[in-house]
Amino acid sequence: MKDIIQNRLDTHYDLKTAEDELNALKEVTQEVALYALYKVGFFEKACFMGGTSLRIIHSLDRFSEDLDFSTREVDPNFKLDEYLEKAMEVMKPYGYGLTIDEKDLADKSVQSRFLKDDSIKKVLTFKHQQDERQKIKIKVEIDTNPPSGAVEKSEFIDFPEDFQILAYDLPSLMSGKLHALLCRTYEKGRDWYDYSWYVKNNCSPNLKLLENALKQLGPWKGKDIQVDENFLKDALVGKIESLDWDDIKKDVRKFLSPEKAQSLDIWSSDFFKSKVKKMNVGDL
C-alpha cells in the first residue's frame, strides 16, 4: 500500500519545488485520512467543509492545510478522538504512524486535534531534498454546534480507493468562507484567495446559513440582522479597506505554484472591492 502514496506523488502532481512536494504529501495524507474516516463511519455523523473541501472536491488551485468538519446536527456528546483513533489504524498499511496532539480552544463546541506523522517520509523517494525528521502535521477540526441552514451533498473521491462522503454544497461552503472573512480575529490570505475563486466561478452564498452563523459567532453575535446583498457587500468593503494587503499576500504565497503566485501582484483594496461588485449574492 505504501507504493500507492509514492505513485500518487509521482503521477498526480507537477512538483517544481521542495515546498510543492511537501504540500502534495500533506494533501495525499488528507485524502487517505478522509478515506479512513469514511471506513470508520465518521460521515454518518459529520460533513466535510472548509478550504480543503474546496480543494479536493472542487479543484481549487491552491494547497490547503486543515481538515474541517461539522456535525450534521448539534451534538455536544460527539467525540472526535474515537473516530481518529480508529482511522489511524486504517492508515497504518499506507505507511503512516500517526499520533494525536490536542489543541485547546476557548470554544469547547469546536474540537481540534493535530494528526502528526514521522513515518511516511522515511519510506518515500523525493524529487527535492526533504528533511525526513520534519513531521507531517494535519489539523482536524469539527464544529459540534453548527449554525443551521447548511445543505449537505454526497461527494465521491477516488483516492486511495473509491469512496463516498458527505460535504457542504458550494453555496454553504462559500457562506463559511464569508463568515471567516468577516469574523476571524486574525487574517489569512488563503481566505481571500478562496473568496476570489468563488466570485470568479460565479458562486452565490447560502445567505440563510451565513446569517445564522453571524448571529452565533462574531461582531454580530445575538444581533437582529438581516443578511442581504447590501448588508454583505457593505460589510465586505469595510473589512477590505481595513487590511494590510502586503501581509495577506505573504500568508497565501506558500500554498500556490510559482505561476499562480504571480497573480498576487495585483492584490489590493481596489482589486477586492471590484470582486465585491461582481459577486453573485442570490436571495435569502
C-alpha atoms as a PDB file:
ATOM      1  CA  MET A   1       0.000   0.000   0.000  1.00  0.00           C
ATOM      2  CA  LYS A   2       2.942   2.333   0.534  1.00  0.00           C
ATOM      3  CA  ASP A   3       3.567   2.248  -3.233  1.00  0.00           C
ATOM      4  CA  ILE A   4       0.151   3.896  -3.713  1.00  0.00           C
ATOM      5  CA  ILE A   5       1.416   7.023  -1.915  1.00  0.00           C
ATOM      6  CA  GLN A   6       4.621   7.124  -3.958  1.00  0.00           C
ATOM      7  CA  ASN A   7       2.744   6.655  -7.235  1.00  0.00           C
ATOM      8  CA  ARG A   8       0.291   9.425  -6.323  1.00  0.00           C
ATOM      9  CA  LEU A   9       3.132  11.884  -5.732  1.00  0.00           C
ATOM     10  CA  ASP A  10       4.951  10.835  -8.909  1.00  0.00           C
ATOM     11  CA  THR A  11       1.993  10.959 -11.301  1.00  0.00           C
ATOM     12  CA  HIS A  12      -0.614  13.366  -9.911  1.00  0.00           C
ATOM     13  CA  TYR A  13       1.467  16.491  -9.289  1.00  0.00           C
ATOM     14  CA  ASP A  14       3.881  18.794 -11.109  1.00  0.00           C
ATOM     15  CA  LEU A  15       6.331  19.284  -8.255  1.00  0.00           C
ATOM     16  CA  LYS A  16       8.764  22.067  -9.082  1.00  0.00           C
ATOM     17  CA  THR A  17       9.978  22.894  -5.583  1.00  0.00           C
ATOM     18  CA  ALA A  18      10.561  21.145  -2.259  1.00  0.00           C
ATOM     19  CA  GLU A  19       7.668  23.130  -0.799  1.00  0.00           C
ATOM     20  CA  ASP A  20       5.364  21.917  -3.603  1.00  0.00           C
ATOM     21  CA  GLU A  21       6.403  18.358  -2.824  1.00  0.00           C
ATOM     22  CA  LEU A  22       5.762  18.753   0.905  1.00  0.00           C
ATOM     23  CA  ASN A  23       2.355  20.344   0.251  1.00  0.00           C
ATOM     24  CA  ALA A  24       1.495  17.479  -2.100  1.00  0.00           C
ATOM     25  CA  LEU A  25       2.395  14.894   0.534  1.00  0.00           C
ATOM     26  CA  LYS A  26       0.200  16.700   3.057  1.00  0.00           C
ATOM     27  CA  GLU A  27      -2.661  16.631   0.553  1.00  0.00           C
ATOM     28  CA  VAL A  28      -2.224  12.926  -0.132  1.00  0.00           C
ATOM     29  CA  THR A  29      -2.268  12.387   3.629  1.00  0.00           C
ATOM     30  CA  GLN A  30      -5.511  14.368   3.858  1.00  0.00           C
ATOM     31  CA  GLU A  31      -7.095  12.144   1.203  1.00  0.00           C
ATOM     32  CA  VAL A  32      -6.003   8.965   2.985  1.00  0.00           C
ATOM     33  CA  ALA A  33      -7.349  10.407   6.252  1.00  0.00           C
ATOM     34  CA  LEU A  34     -10.718  11.125   4.600  1.00  0.00           C
ATOM     35  CA  TYR A  35     -10.837   7.553   3.309  1.00  0.00           C
ATOM     36  CA  ALA A  36     -10.000   6.231   6.768  1.00  0.00           C
ATOM     37  CA  LEU A  37     -12.717   8.369   8.365  1.00  0.00           C
ATOM     38  CA  TYR A  38     -15.191   7.051   5.799  1.00  0.00           C
ATOM     39  CA  LYS A  39     -14.204   3.476   6.688  1.00  0.00           C
ATOM     40  CA  VAL A  40     -14.921   4.055  10.391  1.00  0.00           C
ATOM     41  CA  GLY A  41     -18.369   5.596   9.831  1.00  0.00           C
ATOM     42  CA  PHE A  42     -17.444   9.227  10.503  1.00  0.00           C
ATOM     43  CA  PHE A  43     -19.638  10.636   7.730  1.00  0.00           C
ATOM     44  CA  GLU A  44     -22.771   9.176   9.250  1.00  0.00           C
ATOM     45  CA  LYS A  45     -22.395  11.978  11.801  1.00  0.00           C
ATOM     46  CA  ALA A  46     -20.300  14.634  10.052  1.00  0.00           C
ATOM     47  CA  CYS A  47     -19.912  16.745   6.903  1.00  0.00           C
ATOM     48  CA  PHE A  48     -16.719  17.901   5.192  1.00  0.00           C
ATOM     49  CA  MET A  49     -16.334  21.676   4.820  1.00  0.00           C
ATOM     50  CA  GLY A  50     -13.677  24.402   4.536  1.00  0.00           C
ATOM     51  CA  GLY A  51     -10.836  25.165   2.140  1.00  0.00           C
ATOM     52  CA  THR A  52      -9.579  21.591   1.830  1.00  0.00           C
ATOM     53  CA  SER A  53     -13.067  20.509   0.785  1.00  0.00           C
ATOM     54  CA  LEU A  54     -12.962  23.169  -1.910  1.00  0.00           C
ATOM     55  CA  ARG A  55      -9.538  21.906  -2.999  1.00  0.00           C
ATOM     56  CA  ILE A  56     -10.191  18.154  -3.035  1.00  0.00           C
ATOM     57  CA  ILE A  57     -13.791  18.151  -4.269  1.00  0.00           C
ATOM     58  CA  HIS A  58     -13.968  21.294  -6.420  1.00  0.00           C
ATOM     59  CA  SER A  59     -10.345  21.578  -7.638  1.00  0.00           C
ATOM     60  CA  LEU A  60      -9.407  24.871  -6.000  1.00  0.00           C
ATOM     61  CA  ASP A  61      -5.962  25.717  -7.394  1.00  0.00           C
ATOM     62  CA  ARG A  62      -4.092  26.066  -4.106  1.00  0.00           C
ATOM     63  CA  PHE A  63      -2.962  23.676  -1.408  1.00  0.00           C
ATOM     64  CA  SER A  64      -4.820  23.686   1.902  1.00  0.00           C
ATOM     65  CA  GLU A  65      -3.699  22.671   5.388  1.00  0.00           C
ATOM     66  CA  ASP A  66      -6.650  21.615   7.536  1.00  0.00           C
ATOM     67  CA  LEU A  67      -9.483  19.100   7.518  1.00  0.00           C
ATOM     68  CA  ASP A  68     -12.594  20.959   8.697  1.00  0.00           C
ATOM     69  CA  PHE A  69     -15.882  19.281   9.525  1.00  0.00           C
ATOM     70  CA  SER A  70     -19.257  19.993  11.051  1.00  0.00           C
ATOM     71  CA  THR A  71     -21.563  17.568  12.810  1.00  0.00           C
ATOM     72  CA  ARG A  72     -24.762  17.080  10.835  1.00  0.00           C
ATOM     73  CA  GLU A  73     -26.783  18.382  13.784  1.00  0.00           C
ATOM     74  CA  VAL A  74     -25.900  19.933  17.122  1.00  0.00           C
ATOM     75  CA  ASP A  75     -24.154  17.143  19.029  1.00  0.00           C
ATOM     76  CA  PRO A  76     -22.438  18.144  22.301  1.00  0.00           C
ATOM     77  CA  ASN A  77     -21.637  14.480  23.016  1.00  0.00           C
ATOM     78  CA  PHE A  78     -19.672  13.942  19.794  1.00  0.00           C
ATOM     79  CA  LYS A  79     -16.177  12.529  20.457  1.00  0.00           C
ATOM     80  CA  LEU A  80     -13.700  13.207  17.643  1.00  0.00           C
ATOM     81  CA  ASP A  81     -10.926  11.164  19.257  1.00  0.00           C
ATOM     82  CA  GLU A  82     -12.908   7.933  18.994  1.00  0.00           C
ATOM     83  CA  TYR A  83     -13.062   8.274  15.208  1.00  0.00           C
ATOM     84  CA  LEU A  84      -9.456   9.452  14.831  1.00  0.00           C
ATOM     85  CA  GLU A  85      -8.067   6.538  16.820  1.00  0.00           C
ATOM     86  CA  LYS A  86      -9.877   4.056  14.581  1.00  0.00           C
ATOM     87  CA  ALA A  87      -8.911   5.980  11.433  1.00  0.00           C
ATOM     88  CA  MET A  88      -5.223   5.886  12.370  1.00  0.00           C
ATOM     89  CA  GLU A  89      -5.379   2.086  12.318  1.00  0.00           C
ATOM     90  CA  VAL A  90      -6.810   2.185   8.780  1.00  0.00           C
ATOM     91  CA  MET A  91      -3.920   4.445   7.704  1.00  0.00           C
ATOM     92  CA  LYS A  92      -1.129   2.221   9.057  1.00  0.00           C
ATOM     93  CA  PRO A  93      -0.844  -0.084   5.998  1.00  0.00           C
ATOM     94  CA  TYR A  94      -0.233   3.013   3.843  1.00  0.00           C
ATOM     95  CA  GLY A  95       2.936   3.748   5.814  1.00  0.00           C
ATOM     96  CA  TYR A  96       1.603   6.178   8.404  1.00  0.00           C
ATOM     97  CA  GLY A  97       2.459   6.074  12.104  1.00  0.00           C
ATOM     98  CA  LEU A  98       0.188   8.808  13.421  1.00  0.00           C
ATOM     99  CA  THR A  99      -0.170  10.338  16.844  1.00  0.00           C
ATOM    100  CA  ILE A 100      -2.800  12.791  18.105  1.00  0.00           C
ATOM    101  CA  ASP A 101      -1.994  16.128  19.723  1.00  0.00           C
ATOM    102  CA  GLU A 102      -4.820  18.119  21.256  1.00  0.00           C
ATOM    103  CA  LYS A 103      -5.269  21.822  20.600  1.00  0.00           C
ATOM    104  CA  ASP A 104      -7.252  23.582  23.288  1.00  0.00           C
ATOM    105  CA  LEU A 105      -9.855  26.042  22.069  1.00  0.00           C
ATOM    106  CA  ALA A 106     -11.828  28.597  24.044  1.00  0.00           C
ATOM    107  CA  ASP A 107     -14.949  27.452  22.203  1.00  0.00           C
ATOM    108  CA  LYS A 108     -15.365  23.910  23.515  1.00  0.00           C
ATOM    109  CA  SER A 109     -18.044  23.181  20.933  1.00  0.00           C
ATOM    110  CA  VAL A 110     -15.188  23.079  18.422  1.00  0.00           C
ATOM    111  CA  GLN A 111     -12.943  20.036  18.840  1.00  0.00           C
ATOM    112  CA  SER A 112      -9.492  20.422  17.311  1.00  0.00           C
ATOM    113  CA  ARG A 113      -6.683  17.874  17.043  1.00  0.00           C
ATOM    114  CA  PHE A 114      -3.370  17.645  15.219  1.00  0.00           C
ATOM    115  CA  LEU A 115      -2.507  14.396  13.491  1.00  0.00           C
ATOM    116  CA  LYS A 116       1.279  14.063  13.364  1.00  0.00           C
ATOM    117  CA  ASP A 117       3.295  11.513  11.422  1.00  0.00           C
ATOM    118  CA  ASP A 118       7.050  10.894  11.338  1.00  0.00           C
ATOM    119  CA  SER A 119       6.989   7.612   9.376  1.00  0.00           C
ATOM    120  CA  ILE A 120       5.731   8.200   5.838  1.00  0.00           C
ATOM    121  CA  LYS A 121       8.595  10.438   4.681  1.00  0.00           C
ATOM    122  CA  LYS A 122      11.101   7.711   5.561  1.00  0.00           C
ATOM    123  CA  VAL A 123       9.609   5.228   3.079  1.00  0.00           C
ATOM    124  CA  LEU A 124       9.220   7.609   0.120  1.00  0.00           C
ATOM    125  CA  THR A 125      11.598   8.815  -2.579  1.00  0.00           C
ATOM    126  CA  PHE A 126      11.512  12.567  -3.152  1.00  0.00           C
ATOM    127  CA  LYS A 127      12.482  14.636  -6.192  1.00  0.00           C
ATOM    128  CA  HIS A 128      13.580  17.515  -3.979  1.00  0.00           C
ATOM    129  CA  GLN A 129      15.576  17.401  -0.772  1.00  0.00           C
ATOM    130  CA  GLN A 130      13.336  16.971   2.268  1.00  0.00           C
ATOM    131  CA  ASP A 131      14.126  16.839   5.963  1.00  0.00           C
ATOM    132  CA  GLU A 132      12.990  13.333   6.937  1.00  0.00           C
ATOM    133  CA  ARG A 133      12.868  14.431  10.584  1.00  0.00           C
ATOM    134  CA  GLN A 134      10.181  17.020   9.820  1.00  0.00           C
ATOM    135  CA  LYS A 135       6.794  15.600  10.749  1.00  0.00           C
ATOM    136  CA  ILE A 136       3.726  15.773   8.552  1.00  0.00           C
ATOM    137  CA  LYS A 137       1.071  17.617  10.550  1.00  0.00           C
ATOM    138  CA  ILE A 138      -2.631  17.846   9.683  1.00  0.00           C
ATOM    139  CA  LYS A 139      -5.143  19.743  11.797  1.00  0.00           C
ATOM    140  CA  VAL A 140      -8.560  18.100  12.114  1.00  0.00           C
ATOM    141  CA  GLU A 141     -11.350  20.282  13.468  1.00  0.00           C
ATOM    142  CA  ILE A 142     -15.071  19.732  13.917  1.00  0.00           C
ATOM    143  CA  ASP A 143     -17.817  22.128  14.990  1.00  0.00           C
ATOM    144  CA  THR A 144     -20.323  20.256  17.146  1.00  0.00           C
ATOM    145  CA  ASN A 145     -22.640  23.281  17.423  1.00  0.00           C
ATOM    146  CA  PRO A 146     -23.005  24.321  13.781  1.00  0.00           C
ATOM    147  CA  PRO A 147     -25.371  27.089  12.667  1.00  0.00           C
ATOM    148  CA  SER A 148     -28.476  25.783  10.943  1.00  0.00           C
ATOM    149  CA  GLY A 149     -29.094  26.087   7.223  1.00  0.00           C
ATOM    150  CA  ALA A 150     -26.232  24.180   5.593  1.00  0.00           C
ATOM    151  CA  VAL A 151     -27.049  21.973   2.598  1.00  0.00           C
ATOM    152  CA  GLU A 152     -25.399  18.549   2.514  1.00  0.00           C
ATOM    153  CA  LYS A 153     -24.297  16.820  -0.664  1.00  0.00           C
ATOM    154  CA  SER A 154     -22.875  13.364  -1.364  1.00  0.00           C
ATOM    155  CA  GLU A 155     -19.444  13.504  -2.982  1.00  0.00           C
ATOM    156  CA  PHE A 156     -17.250  10.743  -4.408  1.00  0.00           C
ATOM    157  CA  ILE A 157     -13.460  10.577  -4.082  1.00  0.00           C
ATOM    158  CA  ASP A 158     -11.278   8.030  -5.904  1.00  0.00           C
ATOM    159  CA  PHE A 159      -8.051   8.002  -3.879  1.00  0.00           C
ATOM    160  CA  PRO A 160      -6.759   5.836  -2.300  1.00  0.00           C
ATOM    161  CA  GLU A 161      -9.910   3.849  -3.196  1.00  0.00           C
ATOM    162  CA  ASP A 162     -13.339   4.882  -4.442  1.00  0.00           C
ATOM    163  CA  PHE A 163     -15.421   6.124  -1.520  1.00  0.00           C
ATOM    164  CA  GLN A 164     -18.308   8.437  -0.645  1.00  0.00           C
ATOM    165  CA  ILE A 165     -18.517  11.264   1.875  1.00  0.00           C
ATOM    166  CA  LEU A 166     -20.939  13.987   2.895  1.00  0.00           C
ATOM    167  CA  ALA A 167     -19.871  17.589   2.323  1.00  0.00           C
ATOM    168  CA  TYR A 168     -21.367  21.055   2.300  1.00  0.00           C
ATOM    169  CA  ASP A 169     -22.548  22.183  -1.136  1.00  0.00           C
ATOM    170  CA  LEU A 170     -20.794  25.142  -2.794  1.00  0.00           C
ATOM    171  CA  PRO A 171     -23.184  27.866  -1.542  1.00  0.00           C
ATOM    172  CA  SER A 172     -22.798  26.573   2.023  1.00  0.00           C
ATOM    173  CA  LEU A 173     -19.012  26.384   1.645  1.00  0.00           C
ATOM    174  CA  MET A 174     -18.992  29.969   0.394  1.00  0.00           C
ATOM    175  CA  SER A 175     -21.026  31.091   3.401  1.00  0.00           C
ATOM    176  CA  GLY A 176     -18.485  29.503   5.716  1.00  0.00           C
ATOM    177  CA  LYS A 177     -15.718  31.394   3.948  1.00  0.00           C
ATOM    178  CA  LEU A 178     -17.609  34.697   4.142  1.00  0.00           C
ATOM    179  CA  HIS A 179     -18.178  34.174   7.851  1.00  0.00           C
ATOM    180  CA  ALA A 180     -14.424  33.627   8.293  1.00  0.00           C
ATOM    181  CA  LEU A 181     -13.611  36.770   6.283  1.00  0.00           C
ATOM    182  CA  LEU A 182     -15.922  38.924   8.369  1.00  0.00           C
ATOM    183  CA  CYS A 183     -15.415  37.383  11.810  1.00  0.00           C
ATOM    184  CA  ARG A 184     -11.969  35.802  12.086  1.00  0.00           C
ATOM    185  CA  THR A 185      -9.872  37.623  14.678  1.00  0.00           C
ATOM    186  CA  TYR A 186      -6.738  37.263  12.538  1.00  0.00           C
ATOM    187  CA  GLU A 187      -6.246  37.483   8.800  1.00  0.00           C
ATOM    188  CA  LYS A 188      -5.496  34.625   6.411  1.00  0.00           C
ATOM    189  CA  GLY A 189      -4.602  35.377   2.828  1.00  0.00           C
ATOM    190  CA  ARG A 190      -5.957  31.951   1.915  1.00  0.00           C
ATOM    191  CA  ASP A 191      -9.457  33.158   2.821  1.00  0.00           C
ATOM    192  CA  TRP A 192      -9.227  35.993   0.311  1.00  0.00           C
ATOM    193  CA  TYR A 193      -7.791  33.714  -2.375  1.00  0.00           C
ATOM    194  CA  ASP A 194     -10.751  31.394  -1.918  1.00  0.00           C
ATOM    195  CA  TYR A 195     -13.175  34.328  -1.976  1.00  0.00           C
ATOM    196  CA  SER A 196     -11.735  35.408  -5.321  1.00  0.00           C
ATOM    197  CA  TRP A 197     -12.189  31.829  -6.593  1.00  0.00           C
ATOM    198  CA  TYR A 198     -15.863  31.806  -5.574  1.00  0.00           C
ATOM    199  CA  VAL A 199     -16.543  35.106  -7.337  1.00  0.00           C
ATOM    200  CA  LYS A 200     -14.652  34.042 -10.466  1.00  0.00           C
ATOM    201  CA  ASN A 201     -16.724  30.850 -10.601  1.00  0.00           C
ATOM    202  CA  ASN A 202     -19.995  32.802 -10.180  1.00  0.00           C
ATOM    203  CA  CYS A 203     -20.881  31.071  -6.911  1.00  0.00           C
ATOM    204  CA  SER A 204     -23.513  32.576  -4.649  1.00  0.00           C
ATOM    205  CA  PRO A 205     -23.614  32.071  -0.870  1.00  0.00           C
ATOM    206  CA  ASN A 206     -26.207  30.317   1.235  1.00  0.00           C
ATOM    207  CA  LEU A 207     -27.417  33.540   2.871  1.00  0.00           C
ATOM    208  CA  LYS A 208     -29.570  31.853   5.498  1.00  0.00           C
ATOM    209  CA  LEU A 209     -26.608  29.818   6.734  1.00  0.00           C
ATOM    210  CA  LEU A 210     -24.419  32.943   6.730  1.00  0.00           C
ATOM    211  CA  GLU A 211     -26.997  34.919   8.689  1.00  0.00           C
ATOM    212  CA  ASN A 212     -27.303  32.177  11.294  1.00  0.00           C
ATOM    213  CA  ALA A 213     -23.518  31.913  11.560  1.00  0.00           C
ATOM    214  CA  LEU A 214     -23.096  35.678  12.025  1.00  0.00           C
ATOM    215  CA  LYS A 215     -25.722  35.704  14.762  1.00  0.00           C
ATOM    216  CA  GLN A 216     -23.938  32.837  16.508  1.00  0.00           C
ATOM    217  CA  LEU A 217     -20.307  33.989  16.456  1.00  0.00           C
ATOM    218  CA  GLY A 218     -18.535  37.264  15.697  1.00  0.00           C
ATOM    219  CA  PRO A 219     -19.251  41.012  15.871  1.00  0.00           C
ATOM    220  CA  TRP A 220     -22.963  40.484  15.050  1.00  0.00           C
ATOM    221  CA  LYS A 221     -23.487  37.778  17.679  1.00  0.00           C
ATOM    222  CA  GLY A 222     -27.005  37.969  19.113  1.00  0.00           C
ATOM    223  CA  LYS A 223     -27.977  40.954  16.964  1.00  0.00           C
ATOM    224  CA  ASP A 224     -31.144  41.164  14.922  1.00  0.00           C
ATOM    225  CA  ILE A 225     -29.580  41.404  11.471  1.00  0.00           C
ATOM    226  CA  GLN A 226     -30.838  40.512   8.026  1.00  0.00           C
ATOM    227  CA  VAL A 227     -28.132  39.391   5.651  1.00  0.00           C
ATOM    228  CA  ASP A 228     -28.992  40.636   2.173  1.00  0.00           C
ATOM    229  CA  GLU A 229     -26.912  41.961  -0.713  1.00  0.00           C
ATOM    230  CA  ASN A 230     -26.480  45.455   0.770  1.00  0.00           C
ATOM    231  CA  PHE A 231     -25.510  44.176   4.225  1.00  0.00           C
ATOM    232  CA  LEU A 232     -22.998  41.676   2.861  1.00  0.00           C
ATOM    233  CA  LYS A 233     -21.315  43.938   0.338  1.00  0.00           C
ATOM    234  CA  ASP A 234     -21.055  46.844   2.793  1.00  0.00           C
ATOM    235  CA  ALA A 235     -19.533  44.575   5.443  1.00  0.00           C
ATOM    236  CA  LEU A 236     -17.005  43.150   2.978  1.00  0.00           C
ATOM    237  CA  VAL A 237     -15.943  46.564   1.689  1.00  0.00           C
ATOM    238  CA  GLY A 238     -15.460  47.795   5.253  1.00  0.00           C
ATOM    239  CA  LYS A 239     -13.260  44.777   6.000  1.00  0.00           C
ATOM    240  CA  ILE A 240     -11.272  45.145   2.782  1.00  0.00           C
ATOM    241  CA  GLU A 241     -10.448  48.778   3.488  1.00  0.00           C
ATOM    242  CA  SER A 242      -9.037  47.879   6.914  1.00  0.00           C
ATOM    243  CA  LEU A 243      -6.450  45.306   5.780  1.00  0.00           C
ATOM    244  CA  ASP A 244      -2.691  45.306   5.123  1.00  0.00           C
ATOM    245  CA  TRP A 245      -2.553  43.557   1.774  1.00  0.00           C
ATOM    246  CA  ASP A 246       1.217  43.009   1.836  1.00  0.00           C
ATOM    247  CA  ASP A 247       0.869  40.851   4.955  1.00  0.00           C
ATOM    248  CA  ILE A 248      -2.073  38.970   3.498  1.00  0.00           C
ATOM    249  CA  LYS A 249      -0.176  38.125   0.311  1.00  0.00           C
ATOM    250  CA  LYS A 250       2.663  36.625   2.353  1.00  0.00           C
ATOM    251  CA  ASP A 251       0.289  34.177   4.030  1.00  0.00           C
ATOM    252  CA  VAL A 252      -1.093  32.652   0.849  1.00  0.00           C
ATOM    253  CA  ARG A 253       2.028  32.619  -1.332  1.00  0.00           C
ATOM    254  CA  LYS A 254       3.441  29.349   0.055  1.00  0.00           C
ATOM    255  CA  PHE A 255       0.258  27.493  -0.906  1.00  0.00           C
ATOM    256  CA  LEU A 256       0.496  28.464  -4.587  1.00  0.00           C
ATOM    257  CA  SER A 257       2.595  27.356  -7.512  1.00  0.00           C
ATOM    258  CA  PRO A 258       5.088  29.994  -8.723  1.00  0.00           C
ATOM    259  CA  GLU A 259       2.824  30.706 -11.709  1.00  0.00           C
ATOM    260  CA  LYS A 260      -0.272  31.212  -9.572  1.00  0.00           C
ATOM    261  CA  ALA A 261       1.653  33.317  -7.071  1.00  0.00           C
ATOM    262  CA  GLN A 262       2.207  35.940  -9.770  1.00  0.00           C
ATOM    263  CA  SER A 263      -1.486  36.821  -9.554  1.00  0.00           C
ATOM    264  CA  LEU A 264      -0.879  38.189  -6.059  1.00  0.00           C
ATOM    265  CA  ASP A 265       0.950  41.181  -7.552  1.00  0.00           C
ATOM    266  CA  ILE A 266      -2.369  42.921  -8.262  1.00  0.00           C
ATOM    267  CA  TRP A 267      -3.945  42.226  -4.876  1.00  0.00           C
ATOM    268  CA  SER A 268      -5.069  45.459  -3.242  1.00  0.00           C
ATOM    269  CA  SER A 269      -8.070  47.077  -1.642  1.00  0.00           C
ATOM    270  CA  ASP A 270      -9.307  48.204  -5.073  1.00  0.00           C
ATOM    271  CA  PHE A 271      -8.879  44.711  -6.535  1.00  0.00           C
ATOM    272  CA  PHE A 272     -11.052  43.075  -3.885  1.00  0.00           C
ATOM    273  CA  LYS A 273     -13.641  45.831  -3.933  1.00  0.00           C
ATOM    274  CA  SER A 274     -14.014  45.065  -7.632  1.00  0.00           C
ATOM    275  CA  LYS A 275     -14.619  41.430  -6.660  1.00  0.00           C
ATOM    276  CA  VAL A 276     -17.369  42.514  -4.257  1.00  0.00           C
ATOM    277  CA  LYS A 277     -19.104  44.400  -7.083  1.00  0.00           C
ATOM    278  CA  LYS A 278     -19.023  41.280  -9.269  1.00  0.00           C
ATOM    279  CA  MET A 279     -20.196  38.882  -6.549  1.00  0.00           C
ATOM    280  CA  ASN A 280     -23.421  36.986  -7.232  1.00  0.00           C
ATOM    281  CA  VAL A 281     -25.261  37.246  -3.913  1.00  0.00           C
ATOM    282  CA  GLY A 282     -28.522  35.464  -4.684  1.00  0.00           C
ATOM    283  CA  ASP A 283     -31.514  35.502  -2.320  1.00  0.00           C
ATOM    284  CA  LEU A 284     -32.066  34.845   1.371  1.00  0.00           C
END
